[in-house]
Amino acid sequence: MQNEQEQQYQDWIGRQQTSSDILTSGPMEGLAATLDREDTTFANGDSLPALWHWLYFLHPARQSALAIDGHPHRGDFLPPIPLPRRMWAGSRLQFLRPLRLGETIERVSSIKSVSLKQGRSGDLAFVCVGHDFSNSSGLLLREEHDIVYRDVAKENAAAAQPLPADDKFDFERTITPDPVLLFRYSALTFNGHRIHYDRAYASETESYPGLVVHGPLLATLLLELFSEKHPQAVLSEFEFKATQPVFDIADFQVCGTKLDDSGASRLWIADNAGNLCMEASVRASNP
């Protein structure tokens, strides 16, 4: 049956969606304030900080087109996978040239792959979506975005053992998440997923112990700290993978290592129990 379903979803591979957006200052000012930056003003021509392109190309769905979890119903661009839980599992990005405030940018998205697997907690589905961002002069940014769909965990299912986070770092920051931080990021990215702001839904329907901190927000916090420690670094590649959810019920640590001689750095998120929640790698030049 799984092979039949997987074959059905193969028809979605190669499906494309093209959109354009003008990089205006309002979303950037909102995220700068949310990240507690001192300087929250931007001017046309300024480069977007890495990952801030997630504030644009939002494709708002009509209220009547939303599922119970707050996401749009599937089957338009993304395949109609019936598994109820959806999470941002990770991304791989190549930074070719800066995206600049005031520009009109085109994004071409395509379904790269769809695969079904049997996990410890039940059925899993993985969808990889590619995004190419260009201006009138050519390609600026290339991204691959991994989405994982999973079933609600069975009561007797064996939970995956968390991995311990590295306790040797060159820099770190403790983050205290709260509902306001999560709500503001949801609003900035027009993300209606209720696990980030509706505590009753997160706990009673999806059985989480608290509100879930957005995967892209965690990745943004990683690069925010990296950029503070390497203000002259020019990013060429960034990759991250979520390994455990992070909740708003406890502090977590954003950690990293300095760029080495080859231009590489490791970054990670650890929860308050020392478990690894996200791991990431950076390639950059540091003039």
Foldseek 3Di string as FASTA:
>chain_A
DQVVVQVVCVVLAFQKDKDKDAQALVLQLLVCVLVVHPDSDDDWFDFDQPLSCLLDPQPDDDPVQADPQQHGQDDDNHNRDPFDDKAFFKKKKFFDATDTHGFMKMKMKGWHHWHWDADQQGIKIKTKMWIWIAGPVGTGMIMITIMMGHHQGDPPGDDDDFAFDDPDFPDKDKDQDDLVSLVSVCVSSVPRRCLSHPFCCVCVVRNDPARWRHPSVLVVVLVVVLCVVQVQKDFGMKIKGFDATDHNPFMKMWGKYHQDPQQKIKIFIATPVRTTGMIMMTGIDRD
